Amino acid sequence: MKGVARSQKTGIVTRALYVPKEDERRYLSRDQDGLPMLRLVDAGDRLAIWSPLDGGVLLNPKGPGLRSLGLVTSYARGSDYYPAAYRAAELRKGRPVELRPEPDNPHGRHAVAMYAPGARDRFAYVQRGRSASVFRRMSEGEDLAGVCLWGPRRRRDDDTAHVLIGARADLAAMLG
């Protein structure tokens, strides 16, 4: 857990702390119950995706490897159009995100809106390159949800949230 300990100490996760992309595959597996053998851990400025194998390593949430487990990350896009809902969503790390497909959306037939739990108004959308697969899985009846890995903060140059999307049971296990 040295990467997690270092990030907690400094409050920042850098790319250098992630396992190299070419070594990622060995850390991406499921247990005997079919749940990912990964955990979401507090790493200072965000939740990090951690594998306990080999003493523990951090996985890059933007890397392609997570897709092999049905996990996808997305920035919250379009939040500029919904500033009140975005602020009300309180998108800090660990915050749950509800997903709702919008097949009649005039900007994209595979649009998937993001909502704070229990909210009436969307605060953003799954980014375009990721929305088609999320939309398809939800249309096939898969129960998908999201959890905020990091959100807007003071002293940060970006003010967008980054959300991990996956089967609700997988996310619950990873948070457990």
N, C-alpha and C. Protein backbone atom coordinates (compact mmCIF):
# COMPACT_ATOMS: atom_id res chain seq x y z
N MET A 1 0.82 -1.20 0.00
CA MET A 1 0.00 0.00 0.00
C MET A 1 0.86 1.25 0.00
N LYS A 2 2.10 1.14 -0.44
CA LYS A 2 2.97 2.31 -0.40
C LYS A 2 2.46 3.46 -1.25
N GLY A 3 1.83 3.16 -2.42
CA GLY A 3 1.27 4.21 -3.25
C GLY A 3 0.16 4.95 -2.55
N VAL A 4 -0.71 4.20 -1.85
CA VAL A 4 -1.81 4.81 -1.10
C VAL A 4 -1.26 5.64 0.05
N ALA A 5 -0.29 5.07 0.79
CA ALA A 5 0.29 5.80 1.92
C ALA A 5 0.94 7.10 1.45
N ARG A 6 1.67 7.04 0.34
CA ARG A 6 2.33 8.24 -0.15
C ARG A 6 1.30 9.28 -0.60
N SER A 7 0.23 8.83 -1.26
CA SER A 7 -0.78 9.79 -1.72
C SER A 7 -1.53 10.38 -0.54
N GLN A 8 -1.77 9.58 0.51
CA GLN A 8 -2.44 10.13 1.69
C GLN A 8 -1.57 11.17 2.37
N LYS A 9 -0.28 10.93 2.36
CA LYS A 9 0.66 11.86 2.99
C LYS A 9 0.71 13.19 2.24
N THR A 10 0.79 13.11 0.90
CA THR A 10 0.90 14.33 0.10
C THR A 10 -0.46 14.90 -0.27
N GLY A 11 -1.50 14.04 -0.24
CA GLY A 11 -2.84 14.49 -0.65
C GLY A 11 -3.05 14.45 -2.14
N ILE A 12 -2.11 13.86 -2.88
CA ILE A 12 -2.19 13.85 -4.34
C ILE A 12 -1.79 12.47 -4.87
N VAL A 13 -2.55 11.98 -5.84
CA VAL A 13 -2.19 10.75 -6.55
C VAL A 13 -1.61 11.17 -7.89
N THR A 14 -0.42 10.67 -8.19
CA THR A 14 0.20 10.97 -9.48
C THR A 14 0.26 9.70 -10.32
N ARG A 15 0.44 9.86 -11.61
CA ARG A 15 0.51 8.70 -12.51
C ARG A 15 1.63 7.75 -12.13
N ALA A 16 2.69 8.27 -11.57
CA ALA A 16 3.83 7.43 -11.20
C ALA A 16 3.45 6.39 -10.14
N LEU A 17 2.36 6.61 -9.43
CA LEU A 17 1.94 5.67 -8.39
C LEU A 17 1.14 4.49 -8.94
N TYR A 18 0.67 4.59 -10.18
CA TYR A 18 -0.12 3.52 -10.78
C TYR A 18 0.77 2.41 -11.31
N VAL A 19 0.26 1.18 -11.25
CA VAL A 19 0.96 0.05 -11.86
C VAL A 19 1.03 0.33 -13.37
N PRO A 20 2.13 -0.01 -14.03
CA PRO A 20 2.22 0.23 -15.47
C PRO A 20 1.10 -0.48 -16.23
N LYS A 21 0.63 0.15 -17.29
CA LYS A 21 -0.48 -0.38 -18.08
C LYS A 21 -0.23 -1.81 -18.55
N GLU A 22 1.00 -2.10 -18.94
CA GLU A 22 1.30 -3.44 -19.43
C GLU A 22 1.25 -4.52 -18.34
N ASP A 23 1.29 -4.12 -17.07
CA ASP A 23 1.23 -5.07 -15.96
C ASP A 23 -0.16 -5.13 -15.31
N GLU A 24 -1.07 -4.31 -15.79
CA GLU A 24 -2.39 -4.16 -15.18
C GLU A 24 -3.21 -5.46 -15.15
N ARG A 25 -3.16 -6.22 -16.23
CA ARG A 25 -4.02 -7.39 -16.41
C ARG A 25 -3.98 -8.35 -15.22
N ARG A 26 -2.83 -8.58 -14.64
CA ARG A 26 -2.71 -9.55 -13.56
C ARG A 26 -3.47 -9.14 -12.29
N TYR A 27 -3.81 -7.87 -12.18
CA TYR A 27 -4.51 -7.38 -10.99
C TYR A 27 -6.03 -7.29 -11.20
N LEU A 28 -6.49 -7.65 -12.40
CA LEU A 28 -7.90 -7.51 -12.75
C LEU A 28 -8.57 -8.87 -12.77
N SER A 29 -9.15 -9.25 -11.63
CA SER A 29 -9.82 -10.55 -11.54
C SER A 29 -11.01 -10.43 -10.59
N ARG A 30 -11.78 -11.50 -10.58
CA ARG A 30 -12.96 -11.58 -9.71
C ARG A 30 -12.76 -12.70 -8.71
N ASP A 31 -13.40 -12.57 -7.55
CA ASP A 31 -13.29 -13.59 -6.52
C ASP A 31 -14.29 -14.74 -6.78
N GLN A 32 -14.37 -15.68 -5.86
CA GLN A 32 -15.25 -16.84 -6.03
C GLN A 32 -16.72 -16.46 -6.08
N ASP A 33 -17.09 -15.29 -5.58
CA ASP A 33 -18.47 -14.81 -5.64
C ASP A 33 -18.74 -13.98 -6.90
N GLY A 34 -17.73 -13.82 -7.74
CA GLY A 34 -17.89 -13.06 -8.97
C GLY A 34 -17.71 -11.56 -8.81
N LEU A 35 -17.22 -11.13 -7.67
CA LEU A 35 -17.02 -9.70 -7.42
C LEU A 35 -15.57 -9.30 -7.70
N PRO A 36 -15.36 -8.06 -8.13
CA PRO A 36 -13.98 -7.63 -8.43
C PRO A 36 -13.09 -7.71 -7.20
N MET A 37 -11.87 -8.16 -7.43
CA MET A 37 -10.89 -8.21 -6.34
C MET A 37 -10.14 -6.88 -6.29
N LEU A 38 -10.91 -5.82 -6.18
CA LEU A 38 -10.39 -4.46 -6.12
C LEU A 38 -11.11 -3.73 -4.99
N ARG A 39 -10.49 -2.71 -4.46
CA ARG A 39 -11.12 -1.87 -3.44
C ARG A 39 -10.96 -0.40 -3.82
N LEU A 40 -11.93 0.38 -3.38
CA LEU A 40 -11.81 1.83 -3.50
C LEU A 40 -11.31 2.33 -2.16
N VAL A 41 -10.16 2.97 -2.17
CA VAL A 41 -9.53 3.41 -0.92
C VAL A 41 -9.30 4.92 -0.95
N ASP A 42 -9.36 5.52 0.21
CA ASP A 42 -9.11 6.96 0.33
C ASP A 42 -7.63 7.22 0.09
N ALA A 43 -7.34 8.01 -0.92
CA ALA A 43 -5.95 8.31 -1.27
C ALA A 43 -5.69 9.81 -1.22
N GLY A 44 -6.28 10.47 -0.26
CA GLY A 44 -6.05 11.91 -0.13
C GLY A 44 -7.05 12.71 -0.93
N ASP A 45 -6.69 13.07 -2.15
CA ASP A 45 -7.55 13.93 -2.95
C ASP A 45 -8.63 13.17 -3.71
N ARG A 46 -8.65 11.84 -3.62
CA ARG A 46 -9.61 11.04 -4.40
C ARG A 46 -9.75 9.65 -3.81
N LEU A 47 -10.70 8.91 -4.35
CA LEU A 47 -10.74 7.47 -4.11
C LEU A 47 -9.87 6.84 -5.18
N ALA A 48 -9.03 5.92 -4.78
CA ALA A 48 -8.15 5.23 -5.72
C ALA A 48 -8.60 3.79 -5.83
N ILE A 49 -8.33 3.20 -6.98
CA ILE A 49 -8.67 1.80 -7.22
C ILE A 49 -7.43 0.98 -6.86
N TRP A 50 -7.59 0.12 -5.86
CA TRP A 50 -6.47 -0.60 -5.27
C TRP A 50 -6.69 -2.10 -5.39
N SER A 51 -5.65 -2.82 -5.77
CA SER A 51 -5.66 -4.28 -5.79
C SER A 51 -4.78 -4.76 -4.64
N PRO A 52 -5.25 -5.74 -3.85
CA PRO A 52 -4.44 -6.23 -2.74
C PRO A 52 -3.32 -7.19 -3.17
N LEU A 53 -3.31 -7.63 -4.41
CA LEU A 53 -2.29 -8.59 -4.86
C LEU A 53 -0.89 -7.98 -4.77
N ASP A 54 0.08 -8.82 -4.50
CA ASP A 54 1.50 -8.41 -4.42
C ASP A 54 1.73 -7.28 -3.43
N GLY A 55 1.00 -7.27 -2.35
CA GLY A 55 1.16 -6.23 -1.34
C GLY A 55 0.39 -4.96 -1.63
N GLY A 56 -0.29 -4.92 -2.77
CA GLY A 56 -1.16 -3.80 -3.10
C GLY A 56 -0.57 -2.87 -4.14
N VAL A 57 -1.38 -2.57 -5.14
CA VAL A 57 -1.00 -1.62 -6.19
C VAL A 57 -2.20 -0.75 -6.54
N LEU A 58 -1.93 0.42 -7.05
CA LEU A 58 -2.98 1.32 -7.54
C LEU A 58 -3.13 1.14 -9.04
N LEU A 59 -4.39 1.14 -9.49
CA LEU A 59 -4.69 1.01 -10.91
C LEU A 59 -5.19 2.35 -11.44
N ASN A 60 -4.76 2.68 -12.63
CA ASN A 60 -5.17 3.93 -13.26
C ASN A 60 -6.65 3.84 -13.65
N PRO A 61 -7.50 4.72 -13.10
CA PRO A 61 -8.92 4.65 -13.42
C PRO A 61 -9.22 4.99 -14.88
N LYS A 62 -8.29 5.65 -15.55
CA LYS A 62 -8.49 6.01 -16.95
C LYS A 62 -7.93 4.95 -17.90
N GLY A 63 -7.29 3.94 -17.35
CA GLY A 63 -6.70 2.90 -18.18
C GLY A 63 -7.76 1.96 -18.75
N PRO A 64 -7.42 1.27 -19.84
CA PRO A 64 -8.38 0.39 -20.49
C PRO A 64 -8.64 -0.92 -19.75
N GLY A 65 -7.79 -1.30 -18.83
CA GLY A 65 -7.91 -2.59 -18.17
C GLY A 65 -9.19 -2.80 -17.38
N LEU A 66 -9.70 -1.75 -16.76
CA LEU A 66 -10.91 -1.89 -15.93
C LEU A 66 -12.11 -2.36 -16.73
N ARG A 67 -12.12 -2.08 -18.02
CA ARG A 67 -13.26 -2.49 -18.86
C ARG A 67 -13.41 -4.00 -18.88
N SER A 68 -12.32 -4.74 -18.67
CA SER A 68 -12.42 -6.20 -18.66
C SER A 68 -13.27 -6.70 -17.50
N LEU A 69 -13.44 -5.87 -16.48
CA LEU A 69 -14.30 -6.20 -15.34
C LEU A 69 -15.66 -5.51 -15.43
N GLY A 70 -15.92 -4.83 -16.55
CA GLY A 70 -17.19 -4.12 -16.70
C GLY A 70 -17.23 -2.78 -15.99
N LEU A 71 -16.05 -2.25 -15.65
CA LEU A 71 -15.95 -0.95 -14.98
C LEU A 71 -15.53 0.09 -15.99
N VAL A 72 -16.15 1.26 -15.92
CA VAL A 72 -15.88 2.36 -16.84
C VAL A 72 -15.78 3.64 -16.01
N THR A 73 -14.89 4.53 -16.40
CA THR A 73 -14.87 5.83 -15.74
C THR A 73 -15.29 6.89 -16.75
N SER A 74 -15.89 7.94 -16.22
CA SER A 74 -16.35 9.03 -17.07
C SER A 74 -16.29 10.33 -16.31
N TYR A 75 -15.91 11.37 -17.02
CA TYR A 75 -16.06 12.70 -16.46
C TYR A 75 -17.53 13.07 -16.53
N ALA A 76 -17.98 13.90 -15.60
CA ALA A 76 -19.34 14.44 -15.63
C ALA A 76 -19.34 15.56 -16.66
N ARG A 77 -19.96 15.32 -17.81
CA ARG A 77 -19.94 16.28 -18.91
C ARG A 77 -21.25 17.06 -18.98
N GLY A 78 -21.14 18.31 -19.41
CA GLY A 78 -22.31 19.15 -19.58
C GLY A 78 -22.78 19.81 -18.30
N SER A 79 -21.99 19.72 -17.25
CA SER A 79 -22.41 20.29 -15.97
C SER A 79 -22.58 21.81 -16.03
N ASP A 80 -21.94 22.45 -17.01
CA ASP A 80 -22.11 23.90 -17.17
C ASP A 80 -23.56 24.28 -17.46
N TYR A 81 -24.31 23.34 -18.03
CA TYR A 81 -25.71 23.60 -18.36
C TYR A 81 -26.63 23.40 -17.16
N TYR A 82 -26.11 22.78 -16.11
CA TYR A 82 -26.93 22.49 -14.92
C TYR A 82 -26.18 22.90 -13.64
N PRO A 83 -25.75 24.16 -13.54
CA PRO A 83 -24.89 24.54 -12.42
C PRO A 83 -25.53 24.37 -11.05
N ALA A 84 -26.81 24.65 -10.92
CA ALA A 84 -27.46 24.51 -9.61
C ALA A 84 -27.50 23.04 -9.18
N ALA A 85 -27.87 22.16 -10.10
CA ALA A 85 -27.92 20.72 -9.79
C ALA A 85 -26.52 20.18 -9.52
N TYR A 86 -25.54 20.69 -10.26
CA TYR A 86 -24.15 20.24 -10.08
C TYR A 86 -23.65 20.60 -8.69
N ARG A 87 -23.90 21.84 -8.28
CA ARG A 87 -23.47 22.26 -6.94
C ARG A 87 -24.23 21.49 -5.86
N ALA A 88 -25.53 21.28 -6.06
CA ALA A 88 -26.35 20.58 -5.07
C ALA A 88 -25.95 19.11 -4.93
N ALA A 89 -25.36 18.53 -5.96
CA ALA A 89 -24.99 17.11 -5.93
C ALA A 89 -23.85 16.83 -4.95
N GLU A 90 -23.12 17.86 -4.52
CA GLU A 90 -22.02 17.70 -3.56
C GLU A 90 -21.12 16.53 -3.96
N LEU A 91 -20.47 16.65 -5.07
CA LEU A 91 -19.71 15.56 -5.67
C LEU A 91 -18.33 15.37 -5.07
N ARG A 92 -18.30 15.00 -3.83
CA ARG A 92 -17.02 14.69 -3.20
C ARG A 92 -16.74 13.19 -3.39
N LYS A 93 -15.51 12.80 -3.14
CA LYS A 93 -15.13 11.40 -3.33
C LYS A 93 -16.03 10.48 -2.50
N GLY A 94 -16.43 9.38 -3.12
CA GLY A 94 -17.27 8.39 -2.46
C GLY A 94 -18.76 8.61 -2.60
N ARG A 95 -19.14 9.74 -3.14
CA ARG A 95 -20.56 10.08 -3.28
C ARG A 95 -21.20 9.21 -4.37
N PRO A 96 -22.35 8.58 -4.09
CA PRO A 96 -23.02 7.77 -5.12
C PRO A 96 -23.60 8.63 -6.22
N VAL A 97 -23.68 8.06 -7.42
CA VAL A 97 -24.23 8.73 -8.58
C VAL A 97 -25.24 7.78 -9.23
N GLU A 98 -26.44 8.27 -9.47
CA GLU A 98 -27.46 7.48 -10.15
C GLU A 98 -27.37 7.76 -11.65
N LEU A 99 -27.66 6.76 -12.45
CA LEU A 99 -27.60 6.87 -13.91
C LEU A 99 -28.97 6.60 -14.51
N ARG A 100 -29.34 7.42 -15.50
CA ARG A 100 -30.63 7.23 -16.18
C ARG A 100 -30.43 7.43 -17.68
N PRO A 101 -30.74 6.39 -18.47
CA PRO A 101 -30.63 6.54 -19.92
C PRO A 101 -31.66 7.52 -20.45
N GLU A 102 -31.28 8.25 -21.48
CA GLU A 102 -32.19 9.20 -22.14
C GLU A 102 -32.21 8.92 -23.64
N PRO A 103 -32.95 7.89 -24.07
CA PRO A 103 -32.95 7.52 -25.49
C PRO A 103 -33.52 8.60 -26.41
N ASP A 104 -34.31 9.51 -25.88
CA ASP A 104 -34.90 10.57 -26.70
C ASP A 104 -34.11 11.88 -26.64
N ASN A 105 -32.92 11.83 -26.09
CA ASN A 105 -32.11 13.04 -25.99
C ASN A 105 -31.73 13.51 -27.40
N PRO A 106 -32.01 14.77 -27.73
CA PRO A 106 -31.75 15.26 -29.09
C PRO A 106 -30.25 15.37 -29.43
N HIS A 107 -29.38 15.31 -28.43
CA HIS A 107 -27.95 15.45 -28.67
C HIS A 107 -27.24 14.11 -28.82
N GLY A 108 -27.93 13.03 -28.54
CA GLY A 108 -27.33 11.70 -28.66
C GLY A 108 -28.30 10.64 -28.20
N ARG A 109 -28.53 9.65 -29.03
CA ARG A 109 -29.51 8.62 -28.68
C ARG A 109 -29.03 7.66 -27.61
N HIS A 110 -27.74 7.73 -27.26
CA HIS A 110 -27.20 6.88 -26.20
C HIS A 110 -26.83 7.70 -24.95
N ALA A 111 -27.48 8.83 -24.78
CA ALA A 111 -27.17 9.69 -23.64
C ALA A 111 -27.55 9.02 -22.32
N VAL A 112 -26.69 9.18 -21.33
CA VAL A 112 -26.96 8.67 -19.99
C VAL A 112 -26.72 9.83 -19.03
N ALA A 113 -27.79 10.23 -18.35
CA ALA A 113 -27.71 11.36 -17.42
C ALA A 113 -27.23 10.90 -16.05
N MET A 114 -26.55 11.80 -15.34
CA MET A 114 -26.08 11.56 -13.98
C MET A 114 -26.92 12.39 -13.02
N TYR A 115 -27.32 11.75 -11.92
CA TYR A 115 -28.14 12.39 -10.89
C TYR A 115 -27.54 12.11 -9.52
N ALA A 116 -27.69 13.07 -8.62
CA ALA A 116 -27.40 12.80 -7.21
C ALA A 116 -28.54 11.91 -6.70
N PRO A 117 -28.28 11.03 -5.74
CA PRO A 117 -29.34 10.16 -5.23
C PRO A 117 -30.58 10.94 -4.79
N GLY A 118 -31.72 10.53 -5.31
CA GLY A 118 -32.99 11.16 -4.95
C GLY A 118 -33.27 12.49 -5.63
N ALA A 119 -32.36 12.97 -6.46
CA ALA A 119 -32.53 14.28 -7.10
C ALA A 119 -33.48 14.17 -8.30
N ARG A 120 -34.21 15.24 -8.55
CA ARG A 120 -35.10 15.32 -9.72
C ARG A 120 -34.36 15.77 -10.97
N ASP A 121 -33.33 16.58 -10.77
CA ASP A 121 -32.63 17.18 -11.90
C ASP A 121 -31.26 16.56 -12.12
N ARG A 122 -30.94 16.31 -13.37
CA ARG A 122 -29.61 15.79 -13.73
C ARG A 122 -28.58 16.87 -13.43
N PHE A 123 -27.35 16.43 -13.14
CA PHE A 123 -26.28 17.41 -12.97
C PHE A 123 -25.28 17.33 -14.12
N ALA A 124 -25.29 16.23 -14.89
CA ALA A 124 -24.35 16.08 -16.01
C ALA A 124 -24.70 14.81 -16.77
N TYR A 125 -23.82 14.47 -17.72
CA TYR A 125 -23.97 13.26 -18.53
C TYR A 125 -22.69 12.44 -18.54
N VAL A 126 -22.83 11.14 -18.78
CA VAL A 126 -21.68 10.29 -19.05
C VAL A 126 -21.05 10.80 -20.35
N GLN A 127 -19.74 10.89 -20.39
CA GLN A 127 -19.07 11.43 -21.57
C GLN A 127 -19.35 10.58 -22.80
N ARG A 128 -19.37 11.25 -23.94
CA ARG A 128 -19.83 10.65 -25.20
C ARG A 128 -19.13 9.33 -25.54
N GLY A 129 -17.86 9.22 -25.41
CA GLY A 129 -17.15 8.00 -25.77
C GLY A 129 -17.47 6.81 -24.90
N ARG A 130 -18.09 7.03 -23.77
CA ARG A 130 -18.41 5.95 -22.83
C ARG A 130 -19.91 5.67 -22.75
N SER A 131 -20.71 6.61 -23.20
CA SER A 131 -22.16 6.51 -22.98
C SER A 131 -22.82 5.38 -23.75
N ALA A 132 -22.37 5.04 -24.95
CA ALA A 132 -23.03 4.00 -25.74
C ALA A 132 -22.97 2.65 -25.02
N SER A 133 -21.81 2.29 -24.48
CA SER A 133 -21.72 0.99 -23.80
C SER A 133 -22.52 0.99 -22.50
N VAL A 134 -22.50 2.10 -21.77
CA VAL A 134 -23.29 2.20 -20.53
C VAL A 134 -24.78 2.12 -20.88
N PHE A 135 -25.19 2.85 -21.90
CA PHE A 135 -26.58 2.85 -22.34
C PHE A 135 -27.03 1.43 -22.73
N ARG A 136 -26.21 0.75 -23.53
CA ARG A 136 -26.54 -0.61 -23.99
C ARG A 136 -26.70 -1.55 -22.81
N ARG A 137 -25.78 -1.51 -21.87
CA ARG A 137 -25.84 -2.40 -20.71
C ARG A 137 -27.09 -2.13 -19.88
N MET A 138 -27.43 -0.86 -19.71
CA MET A 138 -28.64 -0.52 -18.95
C MET A 138 -29.89 -0.96 -19.71
N SER A 139 -29.89 -0.81 -21.04
CA SER A 139 -31.02 -1.23 -21.86
C SER A 139 -31.23 -2.74 -21.79
N GLU A 140 -30.15 -3.48 -21.57
CA GLU A 140 -30.22 -4.94 -21.43
C GLU A 140 -30.61 -5.36 -20.02
N GLY A 141 -30.88 -4.38 -19.14
CA GLY A 141 -31.35 -4.68 -17.80
C GLY A 141 -30.30 -4.72 -16.71
N GLU A 142 -29.06 -4.40 -17.05
CA GLU A 142 -28.01 -4.41 -16.03
C GLU A 142 -28.20 -3.22 -15.07
N ASP A 143 -28.07 -3.47 -13.79
CA ASP A 143 -28.24 -2.45 -12.76
C ASP A 143 -26.91 -1.73 -12.55
N LEU A 144 -26.72 -0.63 -13.27
CA LEU A 144 -25.48 0.14 -13.19
C LEU A 144 -25.67 1.37 -12.31
N ALA A 145 -24.61 1.75 -11.66
CA ALA A 145 -24.59 2.95 -10.83
C ALA A 145 -23.19 3.54 -10.91
N GLY A 146 -22.97 4.63 -10.22
CA GLY A 146 -21.67 5.26 -10.21
C GLY A 146 -21.26 5.67 -8.80
N VAL A 147 -19.99 5.91 -8.65
CA VAL A 147 -19.45 6.47 -7.42
C VAL A 147 -18.40 7.49 -7.82
N CYS A 148 -18.44 8.63 -7.19
CA CYS A 148 -17.52 9.72 -7.52
C CYS A 148 -16.12 9.39 -6.99
N LEU A 149 -15.15 9.33 -7.90
CA LEU A 149 -13.76 9.11 -7.49
C LEU A 149 -13.14 10.41 -7.00
N TRP A 150 -13.43 11.49 -7.68
CA TRP A 150 -13.04 12.81 -7.20
C TRP A 150 -13.99 13.83 -7.79
N GLY A 151 -14.14 14.91 -7.06
CA GLY A 151 -15.05 15.96 -7.49
C GLY A 151 -14.38 17.31 -7.44
N PRO A 152 -15.16 18.33 -7.73
CA PRO A 152 -14.60 19.68 -7.73
C PRO A 152 -14.11 20.07 -6.33
N ARG A 153 -12.98 20.74 -6.30
CA ARG A 153 -12.43 21.22 -5.03
C ARG A 153 -11.76 22.56 -5.25
N ARG A 154 -11.64 23.27 -4.18
CA ARG A 154 -10.85 24.49 -4.24
C ARG A 154 -9.41 24.13 -4.52
N ARG A 155 -8.70 25.04 -5.14
CA ARG A 155 -7.28 24.89 -5.47
C ARG A 155 -7.04 23.76 -6.47
N ARG A 156 -8.02 23.45 -7.26
CA ARG A 156 -7.85 22.45 -8.31
C ARG A 156 -8.19 23.10 -9.63
N ASP A 157 -7.38 22.88 -10.66
CA ASP A 157 -7.63 23.58 -11.90
C ASP A 157 -8.83 23.04 -12.66
N ASP A 158 -9.23 21.81 -12.43
CA ASP A 158 -10.46 21.34 -13.06
C ASP A 158 -11.56 21.31 -12.01
N ASP A 159 -12.77 21.55 -12.45
CA ASP A 159 -13.87 21.55 -11.48
C ASP A 159 -14.89 20.48 -11.84
N THR A 160 -14.44 19.46 -12.53
CA THR A 160 -15.36 18.41 -12.93
C THR A 160 -15.21 17.19 -12.02
N ALA A 161 -16.23 16.38 -12.02
CA ALA A 161 -16.20 15.15 -11.25
C ALA A 161 -15.79 14.00 -12.16
N HIS A 162 -15.14 13.01 -11.59
CA HIS A 162 -14.76 11.80 -12.31
C HIS A 162 -15.47 10.65 -11.60
N VAL A 163 -16.25 9.88 -12.37
CA VAL A 163 -17.16 8.89 -11.81
C VAL A 163 -16.79 7.49 -12.30
N LEU A 164 -16.72 6.54 -11.37
CA LEU A 164 -16.54 5.13 -11.71
C LEU A 164 -17.93 4.52 -11.87
N ILE A 165 -18.16 3.86 -13.01
CA ILE A 165 -19.46 3.27 -13.33
C ILE A 165 -19.29 1.76 -13.42
N GLY A 166 -20.23 1.05 -12.82
CA GLY A 166 -20.20 -0.41 -12.88
C GLY A 166 -21.47 -0.98 -12.31
N ALA A 167 -21.54 -2.30 -12.27
CA ALA A 167 -22.69 -2.96 -11.66
C ALA A 167 -22.78 -2.52 -10.20
N ARG A 168 -23.97 -2.26 -9.76
CA ARG A 168 -24.18 -1.77 -8.39
C ARG A 168 -23.53 -2.70 -7.36
N ALA A 169 -23.64 -4.02 -7.56
CA ALA A 169 -23.06 -4.99 -6.63
C ALA A 169 -21.53 -4.90 -6.63
N ASP A 170 -20.94 -4.70 -7.81
CA ASP A 170 -19.48 -4.57 -7.89
C ASP A 170 -19.00 -3.34 -7.13
N LEU A 171 -19.68 -2.22 -7.32
CA LEU A 171 -19.28 -0.98 -6.64
C LEU A 171 -19.43 -1.12 -5.13
N ALA A 172 -20.52 -1.75 -4.69
CA ALA A 172 -20.73 -1.95 -3.25
C ALA A 172 -19.60 -2.80 -2.66
N ALA A 173 -19.19 -3.85 -3.37
CA ALA A 173 -18.09 -4.70 -2.90
C ALA A 173 -16.78 -3.92 -2.85
N MET A 174 -16.56 -3.08 -3.84
CA MET A 174 -15.32 -2.31 -3.88
C MET A 174 -15.26 -1.26 -2.77
N LEU A 175 -16.41 -0.74 -2.38
CA LEU A 175 -16.47 0.24 -1.30
C LEU A 175 -16.42 -0.42 0.07
N GLY A 176 -16.83 -1.69 0.12
CA GLY A 176 -16.94 -2.43 1.38
C GLY A 176 -15.64 -2.64 2.01
